[in-house]
Amino acid sequence: MKKVLFGGLLLLTSLGFSQSNDEQMLQSIYKTALTNSQCYSWLDDLSNKVGQRLSGSEGAQKGVLYTKQQLEALGLDRVFLQEVMVPKWVRGDMETAYIIDAKTKIKVPICALGGSIATPKSGITAEVIEVHSLKELETLGEANIKGKIVFFNRPMEPDNIDTFLSYSRCGDQRYAGAAEAAKFGAIATIVRSLNLRLDDFPHTGATSYGSLPKSQYIPAAAISTNGAELLSKKLKENPKLTFFFKQSCQLFEDVLSYNVIGEIKGSVHPEKIMVVSGHLDSWDLADGSHDDGAGCVQSMAVLELFKKLNYQPKNTIRVVLYMNEENGGRGGKQYEAESKRNNENHIFAVESDAGGFTPRGFSLECDDANFAKVKSWVPLFEPYLIHLFVKGYTGADIHPLTSEKIVKAGLRPDSQRYFDHHHAANDTFDAINKRELELGAATMASLVYLFDQYGID
């Protein structure tokens, strides 16, 4: 019997399976992340010295140069920039808006949606029609919409614990609302900010005009949740009130930017690539500390931790900081195109783009065999209160990535406060908790380590 047990242990050891070694490695990863990682100071610089990083802006280029420099300082095997053409949209002067009820003017906070056109220089004043879905536009028809400002006022559903589910269920009014309203003769749209909290921060985000000819484009802006509540209340009291707003945004020709990439070559399978990633661009209202500065520095920290622990991966570990996730997704698409051109084989990709809050686990896109493998690692994560391992969407930038067989993962932090900051002027460094940020980096590094050790099935 002892010979059988000993033989079994030898077999497990020969295959590289060692629960004790894995426990020790995860302990080392978490300890190093919490005591000796640069991710928090990197984010401080990225937020407070570089600032906003909207695609095509000077800030975005500064972010490229800064992160490239920091990756080079880690002594990686290779650091390089990957060219990508991106949109250049400029907000211009700060937007202004008023509810005009009889002789009373009430100022409300708005911001232009990314990609929107400007209003006329003198602004737009018109009656408002409140709707709660794109389908409602069809019901109302041109007779009720033409010449008015369409006010999309569908709130994020408060009863979902998964706030990203609430976000996904009302995002269409922001992205497609202007294009759809224009078809019925609307002259502009105002969209309730995608935020579960009632506050005075308007939240921007991309809007699209789809296949509309440019001559039919209409201005689109977001209004704060408090502003939306007030406008809805005033409309019930006086359906004939008017709304004024003014914005001066412009869209220019595409400009050259870059994905920032660094890697540690694999010692056994250098041809097999594992990606850890975030997106470097942000919206322009703030420095994008949660969206997605946090994901960038956490991804950089995975390689930093491996270097500090003298861990030599079996596979090539590559950090990718994508450009233009927010208003086009060009970085992720370009990375996939270059990967195909170079015949690269990606076996794993993880993305952090859900804020720097306390990590809870991962969503995964994989087959049943690899999902079972991940579930077998749950006991290794339990000491760190990581419990969420579910199949589901993983991230916009790794979504285009394909290989013959690949496992994708999305870091899932606690999301209850994320949309308080998402795309708004309060997405700033003071909203970041150092310890939570570092725990997220350690959690990502731990999953990368385990897949590096045991591969994919």
Protein backbone atom coordinates (compact mmCIF):
# COMPACT_ATOMS: atom_id res chain seq x y z
CA MET A 1 0.00 0.00 0.00
CA LYS A 2 2.83 2.39 0.86
CA LYS A 3 4.45 1.63 -2.49
CA VAL A 4 1.21 2.50 -4.29
CA LEU A 5 0.88 5.80 -2.41
CA PHE A 6 4.51 6.67 -2.97
CA GLY A 7 4.20 5.85 -6.64
CA GLY A 8 1.14 8.06 -6.91
CA LEU A 9 2.94 10.96 -5.28
CA LEU A 10 5.85 10.50 -7.65
CA LEU A 11 3.45 10.57 -10.60
CA LEU A 12 1.77 13.77 -9.40
CA THR A 13 5.15 15.39 -8.79
CA SER A 14 6.35 14.40 -12.25
CA LEU A 15 3.25 16.01 -13.77
CA GLY A 16 3.99 19.23 -11.88
CA PHE A 17 1.03 19.05 -9.49
CA SER A 18 1.94 20.14 -5.98
CA GLN A 19 -0.76 21.61 -3.76
CA SER A 20 1.85 22.59 -1.20
CA ASN A 21 4.03 24.39 -3.76
CA ASP A 22 1.04 26.17 -5.22
CA GLU A 23 -0.13 27.33 -1.80
CA GLN A 24 3.34 28.67 -1.08
CA MET A 25 3.52 30.43 -4.43
CA LEU A 26 0.17 32.13 -3.94
CA GLN A 27 1.21 33.19 -0.45
CA SER A 28 4.35 34.73 -1.93
CA ILE A 29 2.41 36.47 -4.68
CA TYR A 30 -0.08 38.05 -2.27
CA LYS A 31 2.58 39.01 0.26
CA THR A 32 4.77 40.65 -2.37
CA ALA A 33 1.82 42.47 -3.93
CA LEU A 34 0.76 43.87 -0.54
CA THR A 35 4.24 44.86 0.59
CA ASN A 36 6.45 45.47 -2.42
CA SER A 37 4.49 46.30 -5.56
CA GLN A 38 4.67 49.54 -7.52
CA CYS A 39 1.15 49.32 -8.88
CA TYR A 40 -0.28 52.00 -6.57
CA SER A 41 2.56 54.46 -7.28
CA TRP A 42 2.26 53.73 -11.00
CA LEU A 43 -1.42 54.59 -10.85
CA ASP A 44 -0.65 57.75 -8.89
CA ASP A 45 1.64 58.87 -11.71
CA LEU A 46 -0.72 57.76 -14.46
CA SER A 47 -3.62 59.60 -12.84
CA ASN A 48 -2.00 62.70 -11.39
CA LYS A 49 1.00 63.32 -13.66
CA VAL A 50 -0.32 62.02 -16.98
CA GLY A 51 -4.05 62.62 -16.41
CA GLN A 52 -6.89 61.97 -18.86
CA ARG A 53 -5.96 59.69 -21.76
CA LEU A 54 -8.72 59.93 -24.36
CA SER A 55 -7.70 58.25 -27.60
CA GLY A 56 -5.91 60.62 -29.93
CA SER A 57 -5.10 63.13 -27.19
CA GLU A 58 -1.80 64.39 -25.88
CA GLY A 59 -2.63 62.67 -22.58
CA ALA A 60 -2.98 59.33 -24.31
CA GLN A 61 0.46 59.70 -25.88
CA LYS A 62 1.94 60.62 -22.50
CA GLY A 63 0.35 57.48 -21.06
CA VAL A 64 1.95 55.38 -23.78
CA LEU A 65 5.40 56.79 -23.09
CA TYR A 66 5.04 56.52 -19.31
CA THR A 67 3.92 52.88 -19.23
CA LYS A 68 6.51 51.85 -21.81
CA GLN A 69 9.21 53.42 -19.64
CA GLN A 70 7.99 51.62 -16.51
CA LEU A 71 7.84 48.25 -18.27
CA GLU A 72 11.38 48.77 -19.57
CA ALA A 73 12.52 49.46 -16.02
CA LEU A 74 11.27 46.00 -14.97
CA GLY A 75 13.93 44.36 -17.14
CA LEU A 76 11.50 42.40 -19.29
CA ASP A 77 12.72 40.39 -22.26
CA ARG A 78 10.93 42.67 -24.71
CA VAL A 79 8.96 45.92 -24.58
CA PHE A 80 7.49 47.42 -27.73
CA LEU A 81 4.77 49.64 -29.16
CA GLN A 82 2.17 48.38 -31.61
CA GLU A 83 0.75 50.97 -33.98
CA VAL A 84 -3.01 51.51 -34.10
CA MET A 85 -5.05 54.25 -35.78
CA VAL A 86 -7.62 55.73 -33.38
CA PRO A 87 -10.45 58.31 -33.44
CA LYS A 88 -9.73 61.84 -32.30
CA TRP A 89 -12.76 63.44 -30.68
CA VAL A 90 -12.40 66.68 -28.69
CA ARG A 91 -15.01 67.84 -26.18
CA GLY A 92 -14.29 71.56 -26.42
CA ASP A 93 -15.77 74.04 -23.95
CA MET A 94 -17.68 72.83 -20.92
CA GLU A 95 -21.30 72.07 -21.73
CA THR A 96 -24.21 74.08 -20.32
CA ALA A 97 -27.87 73.14 -19.92
CA TYR A 98 -31.06 74.60 -18.42
CA ILE A 99 -34.59 73.44 -17.78
CA ILE A 100 -36.76 76.37 -18.81
CA ASP A 101 -40.17 76.31 -17.13
CA ALA A 102 -42.21 79.47 -17.73
CA LYS A 103 -39.79 82.22 -16.72
CA THR A 104 -37.64 79.97 -14.51
CA LYS A 105 -34.25 78.63 -15.63
CA ILE A 106 -32.76 75.74 -13.67
CA LYS A 107 -29.18 74.76 -14.48
CA VAL A 108 -28.53 71.01 -14.70
CA PRO A 109 -25.26 69.08 -15.16
CA ILE A 110 -24.72 67.53 -18.59
CA CYS A 111 -21.79 66.34 -20.71
CA ALA A 112 -21.52 65.51 -24.40
CA LEU A 113 -21.44 61.82 -25.29
CA GLY A 114 -18.26 60.69 -26.97
CA GLY A 115 -18.53 60.94 -30.73
CA SER A 116 -21.43 63.38 -30.63
CA ILE A 117 -21.58 66.42 -32.85
CA ALA A 118 -21.82 69.92 -31.44
CA THR A 119 -24.96 71.96 -31.07
CA PRO A 120 -25.19 75.19 -33.04
CA LYS A 121 -23.00 77.88 -31.45
CA SER A 122 -26.04 79.46 -29.86
CA GLY A 123 -27.20 76.10 -28.49
CA ILE A 124 -30.49 74.25 -28.89
CA THR A 125 -33.79 75.10 -27.21
CA ALA A 126 -36.79 72.82 -27.71
CA GLU A 127 -39.60 70.95 -26.05
CA VAL A 128 -38.72 67.61 -24.49
CA ILE A 129 -40.32 64.21 -24.84
CA GLU A 130 -39.45 61.60 -22.23
CA VAL A 131 -39.06 57.95 -23.28
CA HIS A 132 -37.79 54.82 -21.57
CA SER A 133 -36.72 52.60 -24.45
CA LEU A 134 -35.73 52.68 -28.09
CA LYS A 135 -38.88 50.74 -28.94
CA GLU A 136 -41.02 53.50 -27.42
CA LEU A 137 -39.80 55.78 -30.20
CA GLU A 138 -41.64 53.61 -32.71
CA THR A 139 -44.82 53.79 -30.66
CA LEU A 140 -44.67 57.58 -30.44
CA GLY A 141 -43.74 58.05 -34.08
CA GLU A 142 -42.56 61.12 -35.97
CA ALA A 143 -45.72 63.10 -35.18
CA ASN A 144 -44.81 63.22 -31.48
CA ILE A 145 -41.01 63.39 -31.80
CA LYS A 146 -40.16 65.66 -34.72
CA GLY A 147 -38.54 68.93 -33.67
CA LYS A 148 -38.13 67.87 -30.03
CA ILE A 149 -35.34 66.78 -27.73
CA VAL A 150 -35.74 63.11 -26.84
CA PHE A 151 -34.99 62.46 -23.17
CA PHE A 152 -34.05 58.82 -22.55
CA ASN A 153 -34.77 58.20 -18.88
CA ARG A 154 -34.43 54.47 -18.30
CA PRO A 155 -32.52 54.00 -15.01
CA MET A 156 -30.16 51.17 -14.22
CA GLU A 157 -32.16 48.40 -12.53
CA PRO A 158 -31.45 48.57 -8.78
CA ASP A 159 -32.44 44.98 -7.95
CA ASN A 160 -29.56 43.20 -9.70
CA ILE A 161 -26.64 42.33 -7.43
CA ASP A 162 -24.50 42.18 -10.56
CA THR A 163 -24.40 45.86 -11.47
CA PHE A 164 -22.90 45.09 -14.88
CA LEU A 165 -26.15 43.35 -15.74
CA SER A 166 -28.02 46.54 -14.89
CA TYR A 167 -25.56 48.52 -16.99
CA SER A 168 -25.92 46.25 -20.01
CA ARG A 169 -29.70 46.49 -19.93
CA CYS A 170 -29.83 50.23 -20.41
CA GLY A 171 -26.68 50.95 -22.42
CA ASP A 172 -28.48 50.91 -25.77
CA GLN A 173 -30.14 54.28 -25.10
CA ARG A 174 -26.73 55.91 -24.75
CA TYR A 175 -25.03 54.16 -27.66
CA ALA A 176 -27.86 54.09 -30.22
CA GLY A 177 -30.36 56.61 -28.86
CA ALA A 178 -29.29 59.55 -31.01
CA ALA A 179 -29.28 57.53 -34.23
CA GLU A 180 -32.71 56.07 -33.55
CA ALA A 181 -34.28 59.34 -32.40
CA ALA A 182 -32.95 61.15 -35.46
CA LYS A 183 -34.92 58.77 -37.69
CA PHE A 184 -38.12 60.20 -36.19
CA GLY A 185 -37.08 63.82 -36.59
CA ALA A 186 -35.65 64.55 -33.12
CA ILE A 187 -33.21 67.47 -33.04
CA ALA A 188 -31.16 66.22 -30.07
CA THR A 189 -31.06 63.61 -27.30
CA ILE A 190 -30.45 63.77 -23.59
CA VAL A 191 -29.65 60.46 -21.86
CA ARG A 192 -29.89 59.63 -18.17
CA SER A 193 -26.41 58.84 -16.85
CA LEU A 194 -25.72 55.14 -16.33
CA ASN A 195 -25.26 55.31 -12.58
CA LEU A 196 -27.10 53.62 -9.71
CA ARG A 197 -26.47 56.54 -7.36
CA LEU A 198 -28.34 59.84 -7.36
CA ASP A 199 -25.72 62.56 -7.75
CA ASP A 200 -24.73 65.54 -9.88
CA PHE A 201 -22.07 63.86 -12.04
CA PRO A 202 -23.01 63.37 -15.69
CA HIS A 203 -21.45 60.18 -17.10
CA THR A 204 -20.17 60.21 -20.66
CA GLY A 205 -19.65 57.22 -22.97
CA ALA A 206 -19.64 56.45 -26.65
CA THR A 207 -22.58 57.14 -28.92
CA SER A 208 -22.89 55.98 -32.51
CA TYR A 209 -24.82 57.27 -35.48
CA GLY A 210 -24.70 53.90 -37.17
CA SER A 211 -25.40 54.13 -40.90
CA LEU A 212 -27.04 57.58 -40.76
CA PRO A 213 -25.70 60.12 -43.26
CA LYS A 214 -23.81 62.94 -41.56
CA SER A 215 -26.52 65.39 -42.54
CA GLN A 216 -28.87 63.59 -40.11
CA TYR A 217 -26.55 63.54 -37.07
CA ILE A 218 -28.00 65.20 -33.96
CA PRO A 219 -26.25 66.29 -30.73
CA ALA A 220 -26.28 63.81 -27.84
CA ALA A 221 -25.51 64.48 -24.19
CA ALA A 222 -25.80 62.75 -20.82
CA ILE A 223 -27.54 64.34 -17.85
CA SER A 224 -26.73 63.52 -14.22
CA THR A 225 -29.11 61.23 -12.34
CA ASN A 226 -30.26 64.11 -10.13
CA GLY A 227 -30.79 66.20 -13.24
CA ALA A 228 -32.77 63.40 -14.88
CA GLU A 229 -35.00 63.05 -11.83
CA LEU A 230 -35.64 66.78 -11.79
CA LEU A 231 -36.34 66.99 -15.52
CA SER A 232 -38.78 64.07 -15.32
CA LYS A 233 -40.58 65.66 -12.38
CA LYS A 234 -40.83 69.03 -14.15
CA LEU A 235 -42.15 67.39 -17.32
CA LYS A 236 -44.97 65.80 -15.34
CA GLU A 237 -45.87 69.24 -14.01
CA ASN A 238 -45.49 70.98 -17.38
CA PRO A 239 -45.18 68.80 -20.53
CA LYS A 240 -44.60 71.95 -22.58
CA LEU A 241 -41.46 73.12 -20.80
CA THR A 242 -38.31 73.58 -22.90
CA PHE A 243 -34.73 72.49 -22.48
CA PHE A 244 -31.61 74.36 -23.55
CA PHE A 245 -28.16 72.90 -23.99
CA LYS A 246 -24.94 73.85 -25.70
CA GLN A 247 -21.84 71.80 -26.51
CA SER A 248 -18.90 72.41 -28.85
CA CYS A 249 -17.34 68.96 -29.46
CA GLN A 250 -15.55 68.05 -32.70
CA LEU A 251 -14.51 64.86 -34.48
CA PHE A 252 -11.24 64.96 -36.44
CA GLU A 253 -9.43 62.52 -38.73
CA ASP A 254 -8.00 59.38 -37.16
CA VAL A 255 -4.53 59.69 -35.64
CA LEU A 256 -1.71 57.28 -34.87
CA SER A 257 -1.48 55.80 -31.38
CA TYR A 258 -0.15 52.61 -29.81
CA ASN A 259 -0.80 49.52 -27.77
CA VAL A 260 1.96 49.14 -25.16
CA ILE A 261 3.32 45.59 -24.87
CA GLY A 262 5.92 43.91 -22.67
CA GLU A 263 6.76 40.25 -22.17
CA ILE A 264 8.75 37.62 -20.33
CA LYS A 265 9.73 34.79 -22.68
CA GLY A 266 8.63 31.31 -21.73
CA SER A 267 11.36 28.89 -20.66
CA VAL A 268 9.61 25.77 -22.01
CA HIS A 269 7.01 26.97 -24.51
CA PRO A 270 8.00 30.47 -25.66
CA GLU A 271 5.68 30.07 -28.65
CA LYS A 272 2.65 29.84 -26.35
CA ILE A 273 1.47 33.27 -25.23
CA MET A 274 -0.50 34.24 -22.14
CA VAL A 275 -1.89 37.78 -22.12
CA VAL A 276 -2.65 39.94 -19.08
CA SER A 277 -4.27 43.23 -19.96
CA GLY A 278 -6.16 46.47 -19.39
CA HIS A 279 -6.91 49.50 -21.56
CA LEU A 280 -4.73 52.58 -21.39
CA ASP A 281 -7.20 55.10 -22.75
CA SER A 282 -9.75 56.83 -20.55
CA TRP A 283 -12.54 59.33 -21.00
CA ASP A 284 -11.61 62.99 -20.78
CA LEU A 285 -13.69 64.11 -17.80
CA ALA A 286 -11.18 62.67 -15.31
CA ASP A 287 -7.99 60.63 -15.13
CA GLY A 288 -9.71 57.25 -15.39
CA SER A 289 -8.22 55.74 -12.24
CA HIS A 290 -10.80 52.96 -12.04
CA ASP A 291 -11.56 52.83 -15.78
CA ASP A 292 -9.03 51.60 -16.60
CA GLY A 293 -5.86 52.87 -15.00
CA ALA A 294 -6.34 50.26 -12.29
CA GLY A 295 -6.48 47.44 -14.83
CA CYS A 296 -3.32 48.67 -16.55
CA VAL A 297 -1.19 48.85 -13.42
CA GLN A 298 -2.56 45.54 -12.11
CA SER A 299 -1.56 43.91 -15.39
CA MET A 300 1.90 45.47 -15.24
CA ALA A 301 2.19 44.27 -11.66
CA VAL A 302 1.69 40.63 -12.71
CA LEU A 303 5.00 40.73 -14.56
CA GLU A 304 6.56 42.81 -11.80
CA LEU A 305 5.60 40.18 -9.21
CA PHE A 306 7.03 37.34 -11.29
CA LYS A 307 10.29 39.23 -11.69
CA LYS A 308 10.54 40.00 -7.98
CA LEU A 309 9.79 36.39 -7.07
CA ASN A 310 12.32 35.13 -9.63
CA TYR A 311 9.57 33.07 -11.23
CA GLN A 312 10.49 31.96 -14.74
CA PRO A 313 7.27 31.12 -16.57
CA LYS A 314 6.98 28.10 -18.83
CA ASN A 315 4.98 30.08 -21.37
CA THR A 316 5.50 33.61 -22.64
CA ILE A 317 3.68 36.06 -20.37
CA ARG A 318 2.72 39.24 -22.20
CA VAL A 319 1.21 42.41 -20.74
CA VAL A 320 -0.87 44.36 -23.26
CA LEU A 321 -2.15 47.87 -22.54
CA TYR A 322 -4.72 48.48 -25.25
CA MET A 323 -5.52 51.85 -26.75
CA ASN A 324 -9.07 52.98 -27.66
CA GLU A 325 -11.32 50.62 -25.76
CA GLU A 326 -13.64 53.47 -24.82
CA ASN A 327 -14.66 54.82 -28.21
CA GLY A 328 -13.88 52.25 -30.84
CA GLY A 329 -12.12 49.14 -29.56
CA ARG A 330 -9.37 49.62 -32.12
CA GLY A 331 -6.55 48.42 -29.84
CA GLY A 332 -8.00 44.98 -29.23
CA LYS A 333 -8.87 44.52 -32.89
CA GLN A 334 -5.41 45.62 -34.02
CA TYR A 335 -3.72 43.28 -31.55
CA GLU A 336 -5.72 40.35 -32.92
CA ALA A 337 -4.92 41.33 -36.51
CA GLU A 338 -1.20 41.47 -35.75
CA SER A 339 -1.40 38.17 -33.87
CA LYS A 340 -2.92 36.52 -36.92
CA ARG A 341 -0.35 38.07 -39.23
CA ASN A 342 2.48 36.76 -37.02
CA ASN A 343 0.83 33.32 -36.57
CA GLU A 344 0.92 33.70 -32.79
CA ASN A 345 -0.62 31.08 -30.53
CA HIS A 346 -2.44 32.49 -27.51
CA ILE A 347 -3.49 29.92 -24.93
CA PHE A 348 -4.76 32.28 -22.23
CA ALA A 349 -5.86 35.92 -21.80
CA VAL A 350 -7.07 37.80 -18.73
CA GLU A 351 -8.43 41.34 -18.65
CA SER A 352 -8.99 43.77 -15.79
CA ASP A 353 -11.53 46.42 -16.75
CA ALA A 354 -14.05 46.54 -13.94
CA GLY A 355 -12.36 48.89 -11.47
CA GLY A 356 -9.80 48.61 -8.73
CA PHE A 357 -12.15 47.47 -5.98
CA THR A 358 -11.81 44.30 -3.86
CA PRO A 359 -11.41 41.27 -6.14
CA ARG A 360 -14.11 38.61 -5.89
CA GLY A 361 -13.07 36.20 -8.64
CA PHE A 362 -13.25 35.71 -12.41
CA SER A 363 -15.65 35.23 -15.26
CA LEU A 364 -14.40 32.72 -17.80
CA GLU A 365 -14.88 31.89 -21.45
CA CYS A 366 -13.72 28.32 -21.89
CA ASP A 367 -14.89 24.76 -22.41
CA ASP A 368 -16.11 22.50 -19.61
CA ALA A 369 -12.77 20.77 -19.13
CA ASN A 370 -10.89 24.00 -18.49
CA PHE A 371 -13.68 25.35 -16.33
CA ALA A 372 -13.44 22.21 -14.19
CA LYS A 373 -9.69 22.79 -13.92
CA VAL A 374 -10.25 26.31 -12.64
CA LYS A 375 -12.87 25.09 -10.17
CA SER A 376 -10.32 22.59 -8.81
CA TRP A 377 -8.16 25.58 -7.83
CA VAL A 378 -10.87 27.16 -5.69
CA PRO A 379 -9.32 25.91 -2.40
CA LEU A 380 -6.11 27.77 -3.30
CA PHE A 381 -8.05 31.05 -3.59
CA GLU A 382 -10.32 30.64 -0.58
CA PRO A 383 -7.79 32.03 1.95
CA TYR A 384 -7.89 35.30 -0.02
CA LEU A 385 -11.70 35.45 -0.07
CA ILE A 386 -11.80 34.84 -3.82
CA HIS A 387 -14.93 32.80 -4.45
CA LEU A 388 -16.52 33.81 -7.76
CA PHE A 389 -15.68 31.54 -10.72
CA VAL A 390 -18.41 31.65 -13.34
CA LYS A 391 -18.76 31.31 -17.08
CA GLY A 392 -19.52 34.62 -18.75
CA TYR A 393 -18.28 37.66 -20.65
CA THR A 394 -14.64 38.49 -19.94
CA GLY A 395 -13.75 41.80 -21.58
CA ALA A 396 -14.02 44.02 -24.65
CA ASP A 397 -10.34 44.05 -25.56
CA ILE A 398 -9.68 40.32 -25.33
CA HIS A 399 -13.01 39.53 -27.00
CA PRO A 400 -11.57 39.68 -30.56
CA LEU A 401 -8.61 37.45 -29.64
CA THR A 402 -8.71 34.02 -31.25
CA SER A 403 -6.40 31.02 -31.35
CA GLU A 404 -6.90 27.33 -32.02
CA LYS A 405 -7.75 26.93 -28.35
CA ILE A 406 -7.78 29.69 -25.74
CA VAL A 407 -9.09 30.31 -22.23
CA LYS A 408 -10.21 33.86 -21.45
CA ALA A 409 -10.79 35.36 -17.99
CA GLY A 410 -12.10 38.66 -16.70
CA LEU A 411 -11.18 39.88 -13.21
CA ARG A 412 -14.39 40.52 -11.26
CA PRO A 413 -14.01 43.00 -8.40
CA ASP A 414 -16.86 44.06 -6.14
CA SER A 415 -18.99 46.19 -8.47
CA GLN A 416 -21.35 48.01 -6.11
CA ARG A 417 -19.50 51.35 -6.28
CA TYR A 418 -18.01 51.07 -9.75
CA PHE A 419 -20.74 52.89 -11.65
CA ASP A 420 -20.60 55.80 -9.20
CA HIS A 421 -17.32 56.68 -10.96
CA HIS A 422 -17.58 55.08 -14.40
CA HIS A 423 -17.04 57.66 -17.22
CA ALA A 424 -17.53 60.58 -14.82
CA ALA A 425 -15.49 63.46 -13.42
CA ASN A 426 -15.05 61.63 -10.09
CA ASP A 427 -13.11 58.70 -11.59
CA THR A 428 -9.99 60.00 -9.89
CA PHE A 429 -7.09 58.66 -7.87
CA ASP A 430 -8.62 59.57 -4.52
CA ALA A 431 -11.30 56.92 -5.19
CA ILE A 432 -8.65 54.17 -5.26
CA ASN A 433 -7.92 52.01 -2.23
CA LYS A 434 -4.27 50.89 -2.28
CA ARG A 435 -4.87 47.52 -0.64
CA GLU A 436 -7.81 46.62 -2.86
CA LEU A 437 -5.78 47.52 -5.96
CA GLU A 438 -2.89 45.31 -4.83
CA LEU A 439 -5.19 42.40 -4.00
CA GLY A 440 -6.54 42.55 -7.55
CA ALA A 441 -3.02 42.41 -8.99
CA ALA A 442 -2.18 39.41 -6.79
CA THR A 443 -5.37 37.62 -7.78
CA MET A 444 -4.60 38.04 -11.47
CA ALA A 445 -1.01 36.91 -10.99
CA SER A 446 -2.19 33.82 -9.13
CA LEU A 447 -4.49 32.71 -11.94
CA VAL A 448 -1.79 33.38 -14.53
CA TYR A 449 0.68 31.33 -12.47
CA LEU A 450 -1.66 28.36 -12.24
CA PHE A 451 -2.45 28.32 -15.95
CA ASP A 452 1.25 28.72 -16.70
CA GLN A 453 2.05 25.72 -14.49
CA TYR A 454 -0.66 23.39 -15.71
CA GLY A 455 -1.56 24.67 -19.16
CA ILE A 456 -4.97 24.38 -20.78
CA ASP A 457 -6.78 21.15 -21.60
